[in-house]
Amino acid sequence: MKRSIVIVLVLSVGFAATSCFGPVIRPTVDFTWCPDGSSGMLDYRFSPNVDTVPNHYIASLSWEFGDGTTTEESYWEVMHRFAEEGTYSVTLIATDDRGVSGTVTKDVPVAAAALIRDWQLTSGVPAKVTGEVVNRYSRKLQAVTIKAKFYNADGVRVTQATTEIDDLDPGEIVRFTIPVQEHAFEIFYAKVSVQSFSSDCPNLPHTVYDATDR
């Protein structure tokens, strides 16, 4: 009797799966801000501090100001004017030349840094306005310029004058007087406001790399 011998050869093939990719290192992103009263009471200056991995550079910056407005910037400072006081969630997104982005969001309290209060007009020669200015910012205000506009009985402006208060500490209240000799007998009304201010902004290192830094 013949026997059939069937030999089954089982070939086991193994595959080893390895990865040569490590975790993605995103750009580091931070920013500072301060009120800039050179032309508006609710203007704020934002300064980024960003960096990425060696041999690469930050290609673009995108700001979201929490009030529905955004901007794309390639330089290291940006100005933004808020419409009203409040706390805004501001986001900075930095994207490097690899297309990798890093982001940070901070709550920014927005308020007029200098406030005029309790002012009054005194008629006579000279006519004058007196009042108080308050530093509402958390840092020193280096200078606050206060403007008074004077009007006659018909509501026509007849003259104006300014005064400057220097070195207001946080929370400090300073009295001011703005006298005028010209048209003193014509003056019936006045308007007083902060014309401008300069603030002691934090001087932190700001690093933004663009293509010229390669």
C-alpha atoms as a PDB file:
ATOM      1  CA  MET A   1       0.000   0.000   0.000  1.00  0.00           C
ATOM      2  CA  LYS A   2       1.337   3.344  -1.009  1.00  0.00           C
ATOM      3  CA  ARG A   3       1.156   6.206   1.405  1.00  0.00           C
ATOM      4  CA  SER A   4       0.864   9.825   0.316  1.00  0.00           C
ATOM      5  CA  ILE A   5       2.850  12.140   2.432  1.00  0.00           C
ATOM      6  CA  VAL A   6       1.792  15.717   2.289  1.00  0.00           C
ATOM      7  CA  ILE A   7       4.229  18.155   3.710  1.00  0.00           C
ATOM      8  CA  VAL A   8       2.780  21.462   4.574  1.00  0.00           C
ATOM      9  CA  LEU A   9       5.348  24.161   4.823  1.00  0.00           C
ATOM     10  CA  VAL A  10       4.222  27.049   6.879  1.00  0.00           C
ATOM     11  CA  LEU A  11       6.197  30.182   6.260  1.00  0.00           C
ATOM     12  CA  SER A  12       5.846  32.769   8.934  1.00  0.00           C
ATOM     13  CA  VAL A  13       6.774  36.221   7.914  1.00  0.00           C
ATOM     14  CA  GLY A  14       6.942  38.982  10.577  1.00  0.00           C
ATOM     15  CA  PHE A  15       6.761  42.723  10.015  1.00  0.00           C
ATOM     16  CA  ALA A  16       8.180  45.207  12.482  1.00  0.00           C
ATOM     17  CA  ALA A  17       6.504  48.632  12.422  1.00  0.00           C
ATOM     18  CA  THR A  18       8.661  51.435  13.628  1.00  0.00           C
ATOM     19  CA  SER A  19       8.286  55.209  13.333  1.00  0.00           C
ATOM     20  CA  CYS A  20      11.023  57.690  12.754  1.00  0.00           C
ATOM     21  CA  PHE A  21       8.807  60.655  13.687  1.00  0.00           C
ATOM     22  CA  GLY A  22       8.829  62.185  17.138  1.00  0.00           C
ATOM     23  CA  PRO A  23       6.272  64.562  18.662  1.00  0.00           C
ATOM     24  CA  VAL A  24       5.632  67.802  16.825  1.00  0.00           C
ATOM     25  CA  ILE A  25       7.337  70.713  18.584  1.00  0.00           C
ATOM     26  CA  ARG A  26       5.174  73.776  18.231  1.00  0.00           C
ATOM     27  CA  PRO A  27       6.344  77.400  18.372  1.00  0.00           C
ATOM     28  CA  THR A  28       6.318  78.974  21.824  1.00  0.00           C
ATOM     29  CA  VAL A  29       3.943  81.928  21.919  1.00  0.00           C
ATOM     30  CA  ASP A  30       3.378  84.737  24.423  1.00  0.00           C
ATOM     31  CA  PHE A  31       2.517  88.434  24.333  1.00  0.00           C
ATOM     32  CA  THR A  32       2.301  91.516  26.517  1.00  0.00           C
ATOM     33  CA  TRP A  33       0.089  94.572  26.194  1.00  0.00           C
ATOM     34  CA  CYS A  34      -0.348  98.080  27.512  1.00  0.00           C
ATOM     35  CA  PRO A  35      -2.629 101.054  26.847  1.00  0.00           C
ATOM     36  CA  ASP A  36      -1.240 103.532  24.327  1.00  0.00           C
ATOM     37  CA  GLY A  37      -2.921 106.907  24.751  1.00  0.00           C
ATOM     38  CA  SER A  38      -1.069 108.777  22.033  1.00  0.00           C
ATOM     39  CA  SER A  39      -4.186 109.047  19.868  1.00  0.00           C
ATOM     40  CA  GLY A  40      -7.060 107.207  21.564  1.00  0.00           C
ATOM     41  CA  MET A  41      -8.213 106.378  25.089  1.00  0.00           C
ATOM     42  CA  LEU A  42      -8.907 102.701  24.263  1.00  0.00           C
ATOM     43  CA  ASP A  43      -5.913 102.074  22.007  1.00  0.00           C
ATOM     44  CA  TYR A  44      -3.770  99.130  23.111  1.00  0.00           C
ATOM     45  CA  ARG A  45      -0.310  98.071  21.959  1.00  0.00           C
ATOM     46  CA  PHE A  46       0.384  94.337  21.753  1.00  0.00           C
ATOM     47  CA  SER A  47       3.925  92.925  21.640  1.00  0.00           C
ATOM     48  CA  PRO A  48       4.531  89.250  20.789  1.00  0.00           C
ATOM     49  CA  ASN A  49       7.281  87.061  22.198  1.00  0.00           C
ATOM     50  CA  VAL A  50       7.521  83.979  19.970  1.00  0.00           C
ATOM     51  CA  ASP A  51      10.127  81.434  18.963  1.00  0.00           C
ATOM     52  CA  THR A  52      10.351  78.124  17.162  1.00  0.00           C
ATOM     53  CA  VAL A  53      12.740  75.204  16.696  1.00  0.00           C
ATOM     54  CA  PRO A  54      16.340  75.816  15.554  1.00  0.00           C
ATOM     55  CA  ASN A  55      16.930  76.492  11.860  1.00  0.00           C
ATOM     56  CA  HIS A  56      13.317  77.582  11.347  1.00  0.00           C
ATOM     57  CA  TYR A  57      11.556  80.918  11.595  1.00  0.00           C
ATOM     58  CA  ILE A  58       8.162  82.432  12.346  1.00  0.00           C
ATOM     59  CA  ALA A  59       6.445  83.062   9.017  1.00  0.00           C
ATOM     60  CA  SER A  60       3.198  84.735  10.124  1.00  0.00           C
ATOM     61  CA  LEU A  61       1.355  86.124  13.131  1.00  0.00           C
ATOM     62  CA  SER A  62      -2.428  86.218  13.452  1.00  0.00           C
ATOM     63  CA  TRP A  63      -4.242  88.229  16.133  1.00  0.00           C
ATOM     64  CA  GLU A  64      -7.834  87.775  17.281  1.00  0.00           C
ATOM     65  CA  PHE A  65      -8.874  90.608  19.610  1.00  0.00           C
ATOM     66  CA  GLY A  66     -12.046  89.153  21.084  1.00  0.00           C
ATOM     67  CA  ASP A  67     -14.247  91.879  19.623  1.00  0.00           C
ATOM     68  CA  GLY A  68     -14.802  90.251  16.240  1.00  0.00           C
ATOM     69  CA  THR A  69     -11.739  91.780  14.573  1.00  0.00           C
ATOM     70  CA  THR A  70      -8.581  90.006  13.419  1.00  0.00           C
ATOM     71  CA  THR A  71      -5.340  91.033  11.768  1.00  0.00           C
ATOM     72  CA  GLU A  72      -2.350  89.395  10.115  1.00  0.00           C
ATOM     73  CA  GLU A  73       1.003  90.960  10.947  1.00  0.00           C
ATOM     74  CA  SER A  74       4.613  90.189  10.091  1.00  0.00           C
ATOM     75  CA  TYR A  75       6.279  92.581  12.497  1.00  0.00           C
ATOM     76  CA  TRP A  76       6.587  92.500  16.238  1.00  0.00           C
ATOM     77  CA  GLU A  77       4.060  95.064  17.458  1.00  0.00           C
ATOM     78  CA  VAL A  78       0.440  95.763  16.606  1.00  0.00           C
ATOM     79  CA  MET A  79      -1.981  98.498  17.691  1.00  0.00           C
ATOM     80  CA  HIS A  80      -5.690  97.898  18.217  1.00  0.00           C
ATOM     81  CA  ARG A  81      -8.521 100.256  19.172  1.00  0.00           C
ATOM     82  CA  PHE A  82     -11.355  98.772  21.196  1.00  0.00           C
ATOM     83  CA  ALA A  83     -14.825 100.267  20.869  1.00  0.00           C
ATOM     84  CA  GLU A  84     -15.725 100.085  24.562  1.00  0.00           C
ATOM     85  CA  GLU A  85     -14.374  99.097  27.938  1.00  0.00           C
ATOM     86  CA  GLY A  86     -14.510  95.474  29.032  1.00  0.00           C
ATOM     87  CA  THR A  87     -12.466  92.282  29.249  1.00  0.00           C
ATOM     88  CA  TYR A  88     -11.502  90.731  25.906  1.00  0.00           C
ATOM     89  CA  SER A  89     -10.048  87.283  25.179  1.00  0.00           C
ATOM     90  CA  VAL A  90      -7.138  88.069  22.851  1.00  0.00           C
ATOM     91  CA  THR A  91      -5.495  85.236  20.900  1.00  0.00           C
ATOM     92  CA  LEU A  92      -2.132  85.184  19.125  1.00  0.00           C
ATOM     93  CA  ILE A  93      -1.358  82.424  16.609  1.00  0.00           C
ATOM     94  CA  ALA A  94       2.235  82.108  15.367  1.00  0.00           C
ATOM     95  CA  THR A  95       2.970  79.877  12.363  1.00  0.00           C
ATOM     96  CA  ASP A  96       6.507  78.937  11.353  1.00  0.00           C
ATOM     97  CA  ASP A  97       7.957  78.009   7.961  1.00  0.00           C
ATOM     98  CA  ARG A  98       7.124  74.331   8.568  1.00  0.00           C
ATOM     99  CA  GLY A  99       3.422  75.246   8.704  1.00  0.00           C
ATOM    100  CA  VAL A 100       3.283  74.388  12.409  1.00  0.00           C
ATOM    101  CA  SER A 101       1.372  76.790  14.662  1.00  0.00           C
ATOM    102  CA  GLY A 102       1.436  77.684  18.328  1.00  0.00           C
ATOM    103  CA  THR A 103      -1.230  79.711  20.098  1.00  0.00           C
ATOM    104  CA  VAL A 104      -1.952  81.550  23.335  1.00  0.00           C
ATOM    105  CA  THR A 105      -5.099  83.278  24.618  1.00  0.00           C
ATOM    106  CA  LYS A 106      -5.168  85.856  27.422  1.00  0.00           C
ATOM    107  CA  ASP A 107      -7.917  87.927  29.013  1.00  0.00           C
ATOM    108  CA  VAL A 108      -7.084  91.607  28.491  1.00  0.00           C
ATOM    109  CA  PRO A 109      -8.910  94.165  30.691  1.00  0.00           C
ATOM    110  CA  VAL A 110      -9.568  97.280  28.592  1.00  0.00           C
ATOM    111  CA  ALA A 111     -10.336 100.614  30.243  1.00  0.00           C
ATOM    112  CA  ALA A 112      -9.419 104.257  29.863  1.00  0.00           C
ATOM    113  CA  ALA A 113      -6.164 104.529  31.798  1.00  0.00           C
ATOM    114  CA  ALA A 114      -6.712 108.171  32.797  1.00  0.00           C
ATOM    115  CA  LEU A 115     -10.076 109.445  33.994  1.00  0.00           C
ATOM    116  CA  ILE A 116     -11.260 113.012  34.604  1.00  0.00           C
ATOM    117  CA  ARG A 117     -13.686 113.463  37.490  1.00  0.00           C
ATOM    118  CA  ASP A 118     -15.326 116.179  39.622  1.00  0.00           C
ATOM    119  CA  TRP A 119     -14.397 119.076  37.366  1.00  0.00           C
ATOM    120  CA  GLN A 120     -16.083 122.471  37.345  1.00  0.00           C
ATOM    121  CA  LEU A 121     -15.926 125.782  35.502  1.00  0.00           C
ATOM    122  CA  THR A 122     -15.327 129.006  37.407  1.00  0.00           C
ATOM    123  CA  SER A 123     -16.072 132.249  35.582  1.00  0.00           C
ATOM    124  CA  GLY A 124     -14.114 135.457  36.001  1.00  0.00           C
ATOM    125  CA  VAL A 125     -10.732 136.708  34.854  1.00  0.00           C
ATOM    126  CA  PRO A 126      -9.153 134.341  34.377  1.00  0.00           C
ATOM    127  CA  ALA A 127     -11.870 131.786  33.754  1.00  0.00           C
ATOM    128  CA  LYS A 128     -10.732 128.324  34.785  1.00  0.00           C
ATOM    129  CA  VAL A 129     -11.654 124.684  35.073  1.00  0.00           C
ATOM    130  CA  THR A 130     -10.540 122.643  38.041  1.00  0.00           C
ATOM    131  CA  GLY A 131     -10.860 118.938  38.632  1.00  0.00           C
ATOM    132  CA  GLU A 132      -9.117 115.653  39.299  1.00  0.00           C
ATOM    133  CA  VAL A 133      -7.385 113.110  37.091  1.00  0.00           C
ATOM    134  CA  VAL A 134      -7.114 109.482  38.204  1.00  0.00           C
ATOM    135  CA  ASN A 135      -4.644 106.846  37.048  1.00  0.00           C
ATOM    136  CA  ARG A 136      -6.715 103.682  36.545  1.00  0.00           C
ATOM    137  CA  TYR A 137      -3.842 101.680  35.021  1.00  0.00           C
ATOM    138  CA  SER A 138      -1.818  99.117  36.996  1.00  0.00           C
ATOM    139  CA  ARG A 139       1.453 100.872  36.137  1.00  0.00           C
ATOM    140  CA  LYS A 140       2.745 104.444  36.208  1.00  0.00           C
ATOM    141  CA  LEU A 141       1.411 106.970  33.719  1.00  0.00           C
ATOM    142  CA  GLN A 142       4.402 109.013  32.647  1.00  0.00           C
ATOM    143  CA  ALA A 143       2.338 111.964  31.411  1.00  0.00           C
ATOM    144  CA  VAL A 144      -1.328 112.887  31.018  1.00  0.00           C
ATOM    145  CA  THR A 145      -2.379 115.846  28.867  1.00  0.00           C
ATOM    146  CA  ILE A 146      -5.754 117.354  29.786  1.00  0.00           C
ATOM    147  CA  LYS A 147      -7.613 119.630  27.383  1.00  0.00           C
ATOM    148  CA  ALA A 148     -10.326 122.149  28.220  1.00  0.00           C
ATOM    149  CA  LYS A 149     -12.514 123.700  25.513  1.00  0.00           C
ATOM    150  CA  PHE A 150     -14.392 126.900  26.384  1.00  0.00           C
ATOM    151  CA  TYR A 151     -17.669 128.034  24.769  1.00  0.00           C
ATOM    152  CA  ASN A 152     -19.768 131.193  24.735  1.00  0.00           C
ATOM    153  CA  ALA A 153     -23.486 131.415  25.482  1.00  0.00           C
ATOM    154  CA  ASP A 154     -24.352 130.368  21.914  1.00  0.00           C
ATOM    155  CA  GLY A 155     -22.283 127.182  22.185  1.00  0.00           C
ATOM    156  CA  VAL A 156     -19.484 128.499  19.949  1.00  0.00           C
ATOM    157  CA  ARG A 157     -16.007 127.549  21.059  1.00  0.00           C
ATOM    158  CA  VAL A 158     -14.002 130.669  21.789  1.00  0.00           C
ATOM    159  CA  THR A 159     -10.723 129.236  23.103  1.00  0.00           C
ATOM    160  CA  GLN A 160      -9.030 126.149  24.520  1.00  0.00           C
ATOM    161  CA  ALA A 161      -6.088 125.294  26.738  1.00  0.00           C
ATOM    162  CA  THR A 162      -4.208 122.273  28.050  1.00  0.00           C
ATOM    163  CA  THR A 163      -2.180 121.195  31.041  1.00  0.00           C
ATOM    164  CA  GLU A 164       0.101 118.203  31.613  1.00  0.00           C
ATOM    165  CA  ILE A 165       0.336 116.025  34.721  1.00  0.00           C
ATOM    166  CA  ASP A 166       3.515 113.947  35.032  1.00  0.00           C
ATOM    167  CA  ASP A 167       4.309 110.689  36.850  1.00  0.00           C
ATOM    168  CA  LEU A 168       0.986 109.400  38.135  1.00  0.00           C
ATOM    169  CA  ASP A 169       1.336 106.224  40.168  1.00  0.00           C
ATOM    170  CA  PRO A 170      -1.344 103.500  39.945  1.00  0.00           C
ATOM    171  CA  GLY A 171      -4.494 104.711  41.681  1.00  0.00           C
ATOM    172  CA  GLU A 172      -3.088 108.199  42.269  1.00  0.00           C
ATOM    173  CA  ILE A 173      -5.462 111.177  42.106  1.00  0.00           C
ATOM    174  CA  VAL A 174      -4.078 114.603  41.158  1.00  0.00           C
ATOM    175  CA  ARG A 175      -5.923 117.916  41.094  1.00  0.00           C
ATOM    176  CA  PHE A 176      -5.484 120.205  38.095  1.00  0.00           C
ATOM    177  CA  THR A 177      -6.351 123.769  37.110  1.00  0.00           C
ATOM    178  CA  ILE A 178      -6.562 125.132  33.570  1.00  0.00           C
ATOM    179  CA  PRO A 179      -6.916 128.942  33.513  1.00  0.00           C
ATOM    180  CA  VAL A 180      -7.609 131.147  30.470  1.00  0.00           C
ATOM    181  CA  GLN A 181      -7.343 134.916  30.150  1.00  0.00           C
ATOM    182  CA  GLU A 182      -8.464 135.250  26.525  1.00  0.00           C
ATOM    183  CA  HIS A 183     -12.218 135.785  26.037  1.00  0.00           C
ATOM    184  CA  ALA A 184     -12.750 135.174  29.751  1.00  0.00           C
ATOM    185  CA  PHE A 185     -15.951 137.260  29.922  1.00  0.00           C
ATOM    186  CA  GLU A 186     -17.464 135.333  26.989  1.00  0.00           C
ATOM    187  CA  ILE A 187     -17.092 131.891  28.541  1.00  0.00           C
ATOM    188  CA  PHE A 188     -20.281 130.171  29.711  1.00  0.00           C
ATOM    189  CA  TYR A 189     -19.561 126.460  29.143  1.00  0.00           C
ATOM    190  CA  ALA A 190     -16.609 124.101  29.002  1.00  0.00           C
ATOM    191  CA  LYS A 191     -15.708 120.548  28.052  1.00  0.00           C
ATOM    192  CA  VAL A 192     -12.812 118.746  29.705  1.00  0.00           C
ATOM    193  CA  SER A 193     -11.197 115.507  28.548  1.00  0.00           C
ATOM    194  CA  VAL A 194      -7.937 113.579  28.452  1.00  0.00           C
ATOM    195  CA  GLN A 195      -6.233 114.502  25.217  1.00  0.00           C
ATOM    196  CA  SER A 196      -3.444 111.926  25.455  1.00  0.00           C
ATOM    197  CA  PHE A 197      -1.317 109.941  27.884  1.00  0.00           C
ATOM    198  CA  SER A 198       1.848 107.868  27.891  1.00  0.00           C
ATOM    199  CA  SER A 199       2.135 104.724  29.987  1.00  0.00           C
ATOM    200  CA  ASP A 200       5.021 102.842  31.527  1.00  0.00           C
ATOM    201  CA  CYS A 201       4.749  99.721  29.383  1.00  0.00           C
ATOM    202  CA  PRO A 202       6.574  96.548  30.460  1.00  0.00           C
ATOM    203  CA  ASN A 203       9.882  96.189  28.640  1.00  0.00           C
ATOM    204  CA  LEU A 204      10.090  92.454  28.054  1.00  0.00           C
ATOM    205  CA  PRO A 205      12.140  90.748  25.327  1.00  0.00           C
ATOM    206  CA  HIS A 206      10.242  90.432  22.078  1.00  0.00           C
ATOM    207  CA  THR A 207      11.465  87.874  19.567  1.00  0.00           C
ATOM    208  CA  VAL A 208       9.983  87.343  16.129  1.00  0.00           C
ATOM    209  CA  TYR A 209      11.993  85.601  13.454  1.00  0.00           C
ATOM    210  CA  ASP A 210      11.197  86.110   9.800  1.00  0.00           C
ATOM    211  CA  ALA A 211      12.874  85.001   6.610  1.00  0.00           C
ATOM    212  CA  THR A 212      15.578  87.644   6.850  1.00  0.00           C
ATOM    213  CA  ASP A 213      16.844  86.047  10.081  1.00  0.00           C
ATOM    214  CA  ARG A 214      17.705  82.714   8.489  1.00  0.00           C
END
